[in-house]
Each structure stands twice: as C-alpha cells, then as structure tokens.
Amino acid sequence: MNLSQRIFRSAMFAVPVLSFVFSSCSDDTQSSNNPNGPQRDFKYPYALNSFWYYTTYNFVTNYRPDSIRQIIAPDTIVGYGSAVFSSDTIIAADTLRILRNTHSSEGHTHTTIELYKQLDTGLIRHAFYSSGTNFGPFRSGSPVKYIHQGTEYLSIADLKNALRQFDLRGDTTLTFDDPPIIALKYPVAEGREWLYLDYGATKITKKYSGYEEISSNGRSYFCAMVKRLWYINNSTVPDTNLQFIDYFAKEGMVRRDFVIADVLVSNALGEPLGYIDVREQAILNLYTEP
C-alpha cells in the first residue's frame, strides 16, 4: 500500500460524535462567552449509557458543467445512526470505555467500535474495531472516475470514505492507535490546533475555529467548531478543497459538515468530463444521558 493510500484509510465515522483530529497551540485563554456553550472546564459526555441518535445526508452539488448530472445520480442518500458508551473494558491493565456506533443507509448497515479514555488533558482514542465500512452512499451506473490530488476513485463512495478513514485493517481486527489519538484536547480554546496524524509528507490536524449556534430537532445549541485540516505533500497551508467541521455543545456532537470540493470527473479513458462537490452532513436528533 503506497503512502497516499495509507493516508486516506481508517475507521472514522464512529458517530457524528467523536473522531476529531488536531498541530500547534495558540492562546488557550479564550472560551465561549455563552453560558450554554462549551466552557474551559468542558469535557465530552463520557458516562456509561450516554446515547446519541442522528441522521446523515450524502449528496452531490455544484455540477460543472450541468450536463454531468446525466451520469451522476442527484438523489440525496439518507442514513440513520446511533452511538452509545456501552461498557468499560480492561486492556493492558488500563481501563477504557467502549463507544459503539451503528449506522445504516440504503439497506447497508455497519458497526464501529472505538475505545476511549478521558483525562483532564483530553479525550484519547486507544483502539478501534470496524466492520461494514463500505456502506457507501453513492452509486453510479456509468464507467466514470473521480480524481482528487491525483488519485483516482471508481465511485464517490470510495472517494469520500478514503478521505475520512485511515489505516483500515479489515472488518475483524482490533487496531491499536500507536500513539493513541487525541480526539479532543482540553481546555477548549478558540484558535487551538494540534496534531492528529503524521505521515511525513502529509499531516492532519484539528483546530478549534470558533463558535456557532446550531438549530436541531426544535432547539438551539451553542457549539464550538472543530475544523479538520489536511496538509498534503509537505504543504504549509491546508488543502482548501477539503472542508470538514464538527460542531459540539455540552451534549456532545450536534452536527458534522464534510465537503470535498472540485472533484474531477473523467470517463473510463481518463478524459475529463467536469467537476463536482461532494457533501456529507450529520445532524443530531436525540441525546440522552443516564
């Protein structure tokens, strides 16, 4: 497996709740001035039986030229998922908590299990187990290819899953993060950025990028925004065609927006047909705590 393939593989969408990534640190004295939002003493809901139920939407937008709509299905694929901190487990004399996420879309169901530990300094992922990772939201009946950063994908599902997954080891393998991954870094502070994954020429970070009020299921949540940034091929600036933001409040994850912009569409001979943007959204429907 080459480096570019390794960079874009792993189990990420555990819930629209947790797989965040983060490299440098700026002023960490800032915090939300809204009492309903995440404060400096915020910690992610970690109690056993904390439960999230959410909806996902996958679709294509910004067709250029408009004629490529004829070969790419324009429908929105809707999926539903739930996540719960189900139990504790002891591994290597360390107590970790299991987050079990189940998601289904168009009749395809997959389950992801992640093992976390929460400390005063952050929420740390130690391992994951993923099955049914190819529940892909899009299908294309034409022999077209989708190209991003010079890598070809045979479907939009392959493209999207590759960019949000890392180091996929198969459906039956418990994979340990080495080193463990900082899912969230405490305290919450606008502008704070930290390293998530380092593949040498490519690095991925996460950054607290501000606050926003999000409406969902008849109520409003004041959320901290966590942006994922890809620094590809030793670039000192992030890839602006990859836009990934998680929004979380005191109740945990509330919304996720993921956009892959300017995806080149070509035919089987490699001839360019046009460009599209690929979008995925996840929205919280229900949160319950024990």
Protein backbone atom coordinates (compact mmCIF):
# COMPACT_ATOMS: atom_id res chain seq x y z
CA MET A 1 0.00 0.00 0.00
CA ASN A 2 1.56 3.34 -1.03
CA LEU A 3 1.71 6.42 1.14
CA SER A 4 -1.25 8.19 -0.42
CA GLN A 5 -3.39 5.11 0.09
CA ARG A 6 -2.31 4.81 3.74
CA ILE A 7 -3.11 8.44 4.36
CA PHE A 8 -6.71 8.06 3.33
CA ARG A 9 -7.71 4.85 5.12
CA SER A 10 -9.10 4.16 8.67
CA ALA A 11 -12.32 3.95 10.67
CA MET A 12 -13.52 7.46 11.32
CA PHE A 13 -17.26 7.94 11.38
CA ALA A 14 -17.82 6.38 14.74
CA VAL A 15 -20.67 8.77 15.40
CA PRO A 16 -21.09 12.22 14.47
CA VAL A 17 -19.63 12.34 17.92
CA LEU A 18 -16.02 11.57 18.15
CA SER A 19 -13.17 11.12 15.62
CA PHE A 20 -11.58 14.54 15.77
CA VAL A 21 -8.01 15.40 14.96
CA PHE A 22 -5.66 18.19 15.82
CA SER A 23 -0.52 20.82 15.50
CA SER A 24 0.35 23.92 17.19
CA CYS A 25 -1.29 25.70 20.09
CA SER A 26 -2.36 29.31 20.22
CA ASP A 27 -3.91 31.35 23.03
CA ASP A 28 -5.82 28.89 25.17
CA THR A 29 -7.26 31.51 27.47
CA GLN A 30 -10.28 32.17 25.25
CA SER A 31 -13.57 30.42 25.84
CA SER A 32 -17.20 30.72 24.89
CA ASN A 33 -18.99 33.72 26.33
CA ASN A 34 -22.30 31.89 26.08
CA PRO A 35 -23.16 30.02 29.31
CA ASN A 36 -24.94 27.35 27.26
CA GLY A 37 -21.82 26.52 25.24
CA PRO A 38 -18.64 24.55 25.94
CA GLN A 39 -16.56 26.33 28.60
CA ARG A 40 -12.91 25.93 29.60
CA ASP A 41 -13.90 23.16 32.02
CA PHE A 42 -15.81 21.29 29.27
CA LYS A 43 -15.35 17.54 28.93
CA TYR A 44 -17.11 15.36 26.41
CA PRO A 45 -20.14 13.42 27.80
CA TYR A 46 -18.45 10.21 28.94
CA ALA A 47 -20.88 8.49 31.27
CA LEU A 48 -21.92 4.92 30.53
CA ASN A 49 -25.16 4.78 28.51
CA SER A 50 -24.75 8.30 27.12
CA PHE A 51 -26.66 7.94 23.84
CA TRP A 52 -26.81 9.88 20.56
CA TYR A 53 -29.22 9.32 17.65
CA TYR A 54 -28.52 11.13 14.37
CA THR A 55 -29.34 11.43 10.66
CA THR A 56 -26.86 11.62 7.79
CA TYR A 57 -27.30 13.14 4.34
CA ASN A 58 -24.99 12.47 1.36
CA PHE A 59 -25.33 14.32 -1.93
CA VAL A 60 -23.53 15.94 -4.87
CA THR A 61 -23.69 19.68 -5.58
CA ASN A 62 -22.14 22.31 -7.83
CA TYR A 63 -22.09 20.32 -11.09
CA ARG A 64 -19.72 21.91 -13.63
CA PRO A 65 -20.89 21.67 -16.39
CA ASP A 66 -24.51 20.93 -15.61
CA SER A 67 -24.56 18.16 -18.27
CA ILE A 68 -22.71 15.71 -15.99
CA ARG A 69 -25.93 15.42 -13.99
CA GLN A 70 -26.86 12.87 -16.66
CA ILE A 71 -24.23 10.40 -15.41
CA ILE A 72 -24.26 11.08 -11.66
CA ALA A 73 -27.36 10.36 -9.62
CA PRO A 74 -28.53 13.62 -8.00
CA ASP A 75 -30.53 11.99 -5.20
CA THR A 76 -29.81 12.55 -1.51
CA ILE A 77 -28.93 9.38 0.39
CA VAL A 78 -30.35 9.48 3.92
CA GLY A 79 -28.99 7.33 6.72
CA TYR A 80 -29.61 6.90 10.44
CA GLY A 81 -27.25 6.02 13.25
CA SER A 82 -26.88 5.71 16.99
CA ALA A 83 -23.93 5.77 19.34
CA VAL A 84 -23.59 4.80 22.97
CA PHE A 85 -20.85 4.46 25.57
CA SER A 86 -21.78 0.86 26.20
CA SER A 87 -19.29 -0.55 28.71
CA ASP A 88 -15.79 -0.46 30.18
CA THR A 89 -13.04 -2.89 29.29
CA ILE A 90 -9.55 -3.53 30.65
CA ILE A 91 -6.68 -3.78 28.16
CA ALA A 92 -3.06 -3.98 29.30
CA ALA A 93 -4.16 -3.06 32.84
CA ASP A 94 -5.77 0.15 31.54
CA THR A 95 -9.50 0.82 31.77
CA LEU A 96 -11.00 2.05 28.50
CA ARG A 97 -14.59 2.87 27.60
CA ILE A 98 -16.31 1.40 24.53
CA LEU A 99 -18.17 3.69 22.13
CA ARG A 100 -20.39 1.56 19.88
CA ASN A 101 -21.79 3.20 16.77
CA THR A 102 -24.28 1.61 14.37
CA HIS A 103 -25.24 3.32 11.11
CA SER A 104 -27.45 2.26 8.21
CA SER A 105 -28.03 3.80 4.79
CA GLU A 106 -29.91 2.38 1.79
CA GLY A 107 -30.08 -1.01 3.45
CA HIS A 108 -26.35 -1.12 4.26
CA THR A 109 -25.52 -1.34 7.96
CA HIS A 110 -22.13 -1.08 9.64
CA THR A 111 -20.92 -1.01 13.22
CA THR A 112 -17.85 0.76 14.55
CA ILE A 113 -16.37 0.22 18.00
CA GLU A 114 -13.85 2.66 19.47
CA LEU A 115 -12.04 2.52 22.82
CA TYR A 116 -11.56 5.82 24.64
CA LYS A 117 -10.12 7.18 27.86
CA GLN A 118 -10.93 10.65 29.16
CA LEU A 119 -8.25 12.60 31.01
CA ASP A 120 -8.00 16.17 32.26
CA THR A 121 -5.92 16.96 29.17
CA GLY A 122 -8.23 15.46 26.57
CA LEU A 123 -10.32 12.61 25.22
CA ILE A 124 -7.95 9.93 23.93
CA ARG A 125 -8.73 7.11 21.50
CA HIS A 126 -6.66 3.97 22.06
CA ALA A 127 -8.11 1.46 19.59
CA PHE A 128 -10.90 0.78 17.10
CA TYR A 129 -12.71 -2.12 15.51
CA SER A 130 -14.74 -1.51 12.37
CA SER A 131 -16.98 -3.69 10.24
CA GLY A 132 -19.06 -2.95 7.16
CA THR A 133 -17.07 0.14 6.26
CA ASN A 134 -18.22 0.20 2.62
CA PHE A 135 -21.81 1.23 3.21
CA GLY A 136 -21.17 3.89 0.51
CA PRO A 137 -23.84 6.47 -0.08
CA PHE A 138 -23.50 6.84 -3.86
CA ARG A 139 -23.80 4.58 -6.86
CA SER A 140 -23.00 5.39 -10.47
CA GLY A 141 -24.14 3.39 -13.45
CA SER A 142 -21.55 4.93 -15.78
CA PRO A 143 -17.86 3.98 -16.09
CA VAL A 144 -16.59 7.28 -14.67
CA LYS A 145 -13.72 8.08 -12.35
CA TYR A 146 -13.37 10.70 -9.62
CA ILE A 147 -9.96 12.32 -9.13
CA HIS A 148 -8.65 14.19 -6.10
CA GLN A 149 -4.99 15.07 -5.50
CA GLY A 150 -4.04 12.88 -8.47
CA THR A 151 -5.62 9.73 -7.03
CA GLU A 152 -8.43 8.04 -8.99
CA TYR A 153 -11.53 6.55 -7.37
CA LEU A 154 -14.16 4.44 -9.11
CA SER A 155 -17.07 5.82 -7.09
CA ILE A 156 -17.98 8.83 -4.99
CA ALA A 157 -18.35 6.47 -2.05
CA ASP A 158 -14.75 5.30 -2.42
CA LEU A 159 -13.55 8.91 -2.60
CA LYS A 160 -15.47 10.07 0.44
CA ASN A 161 -14.67 7.04 2.55
CA ALA A 162 -10.98 7.26 1.67
CA LEU A 163 -10.74 10.88 2.80
CA ARG A 164 -12.44 10.28 6.12
CA GLN A 165 -10.85 6.94 7.01
CA PHE A 166 -7.32 5.99 7.97
CA ASP A 167 -5.38 2.71 8.23
CA LEU A 168 -8.27 0.38 7.59
CA ARG A 169 -7.17 -3.10 8.72
CA GLY A 170 -10.27 -5.13 7.87
CA ASP A 171 -13.59 -5.98 9.42
CA THR A 172 -12.40 -8.35 12.13
CA THR A 173 -9.27 -6.69 13.52
CA LEU A 174 -8.97 -4.67 16.71
CA THR A 175 -6.44 -2.00 15.74
CA PHE A 176 -4.49 -0.09 18.38
CA ASP A 177 -3.65 3.55 17.77
CA ASP A 178 0.12 3.99 18.07
CA PRO A 179 0.45 6.50 19.52
CA PRO A 180 -3.06 6.99 20.96
CA ILE A 181 -5.02 9.71 19.15
CA ILE A 182 -6.09 12.96 20.81
CA ALA A 183 -9.75 13.11 19.86
CA LEU A 184 -10.41 16.34 21.78
CA LYS A 185 -7.89 18.49 23.57
CA TYR A 186 -8.77 20.30 26.79
CA PRO A 187 -9.36 23.06 27.60
CA VAL A 188 -11.48 24.28 24.69
CA ALA A 189 -9.86 27.45 23.31
CA GLU A 190 -10.56 29.22 20.04
CA GLY A 191 -7.56 29.01 17.71
CA ARG A 192 -6.04 25.97 19.38
CA GLU A 193 -4.69 23.48 16.84
CA TRP A 194 -2.99 20.14 17.39
CA LEU A 195 -1.62 17.17 15.51
CA TYR A 196 -3.81 14.16 14.82
CA LEU A 197 -1.89 12.06 12.30
CA ASP A 198 1.58 12.46 10.84
CA TYR A 199 2.53 10.60 7.66
CA GLY A 200 5.64 12.60 6.92
CA ALA A 201 4.73 14.48 3.74
CA THR A 202 1.11 14.68 4.85
CA LYS A 203 -0.12 15.83 8.23
CA ILE A 204 -3.67 16.15 9.53
CA THR A 205 -4.60 18.48 12.35
CA LYS A 206 -7.72 19.75 14.09
CA LYS A 207 -8.44 23.27 15.24
CA TYR A 208 -10.98 25.00 17.46
CA SER A 209 -12.15 27.55 14.90
CA GLY A 210 -14.90 29.49 16.68
CA TYR A 211 -18.46 29.17 17.91
CA GLU A 212 -21.82 28.94 16.17
CA GLU A 213 -25.43 28.44 17.17
CA ILE A 214 -26.95 25.33 15.56
CA SER A 215 -30.66 24.54 15.38
CA SER A 216 -31.61 20.87 15.51
CA ASN A 217 -34.78 18.99 16.34
CA GLY A 218 -36.65 22.04 17.58
CA ARG A 219 -33.96 23.51 19.83
CA SER A 220 -30.78 25.55 19.60
CA TYR A 221 -27.28 24.53 20.65
CA PHE A 222 -24.37 26.92 21.13
CA CYS A 223 -21.49 24.94 19.65
CA ALA A 224 -17.73 25.02 19.45
CA MET A 225 -16.48 24.41 15.90
CA VAL A 226 -13.73 21.82 15.38
CA LYS A 227 -12.16 22.04 11.92
CA ARG A 228 -10.10 19.26 10.36
CA LEU A 229 -7.14 20.39 8.23
CA TRP A 230 -5.16 18.36 5.68
CA TYR A 231 -1.55 19.49 4.94
CA ILE A 232 -0.66 17.40 1.87
CA ASN A 233 2.71 16.89 0.14
CA ASN A 234 4.66 18.98 2.69
CA SER A 235 2.40 21.97 2.11
CA THR A 236 2.48 24.68 4.75
CA VAL A 237 -1.15 25.59 4.02
CA PRO A 238 -4.14 23.25 4.30
CA ASP A 239 -5.99 21.87 1.29
CA THR A 240 -8.88 24.32 0.83
CA ASN A 241 -10.86 21.78 -1.22
CA LEU A 242 -11.36 19.68 1.93
CA GLN A 243 -13.75 21.33 4.37
CA PHE A 244 -14.60 19.33 7.50
CA ILE A 245 -16.19 20.86 10.60
CA ASP A 246 -17.65 19.21 13.69
CA TYR A 247 -19.96 21.23 15.94
CA PHE A 248 -20.31 20.17 19.56
CA ALA A 249 -22.12 21.50 22.60
CA LYS A 250 -22.37 20.34 26.21
CA GLU A 251 -24.48 17.45 24.90
CA GLY A 252 -21.67 16.26 22.61
CA MET A 253 -21.70 16.25 18.83
CA VAL A 254 -24.59 18.22 17.29
CA ARG A 255 -23.63 18.45 13.61
CA ARG A 256 -20.95 17.49 11.09
CA ASP A 257 -20.31 19.11 7.68
CA PHE A 258 -17.90 17.49 5.22
CA VAL A 259 -17.27 18.92 1.73
CA ILE A 260 -14.87 17.63 -0.92
CA ALA A 261 -14.76 20.44 -3.49
CA ASP A 262 -13.60 20.46 -7.12
CA VAL A 263 -13.60 16.69 -7.67
CA LEU A 264 -12.61 15.97 -11.27
CA VAL A 265 -14.92 13.54 -13.06
CA SER A 266 -13.47 11.61 -16.02
CA ASN A 267 -14.61 8.77 -18.26
CA ALA A 268 -13.07 5.30 -18.47
CA LEU A 269 -10.42 6.63 -20.91
CA GLY A 270 -9.33 9.32 -18.48
CA GLU A 271 -10.90 12.14 -20.46
CA PRO A 272 -12.15 14.95 -18.15
CA LEU A 273 -15.90 15.46 -18.07
CA GLY A 274 -16.25 18.18 -15.44
CA TYR A 275 -16.20 18.90 -11.71
CA ILE A 276 -18.47 18.31 -8.73
CA ASP A 277 -18.56 18.93 -4.98
CA VAL A 278 -19.34 16.01 -2.67
CA ARG A 279 -21.10 16.74 0.62
CA GLU A 280 -21.94 14.80 3.76
CA GLN A 281 -23.90 16.16 6.70
CA ALA A 282 -24.78 14.55 10.02
CA ILE A 283 -27.29 16.10 12.41
CA LEU A 284 -28.16 15.15 15.99
CA ASN A 285 -31.78 14.10 16.53
CA LEU A 286 -31.71 12.97 20.15
CA TYR A 287 -29.29 12.88 23.06
CA THR A 288 -29.98 11.13 26.36
CA GLU A 289 -27.78 10.81 29.41
CA PRO A 290 -28.05 8.32 32.27
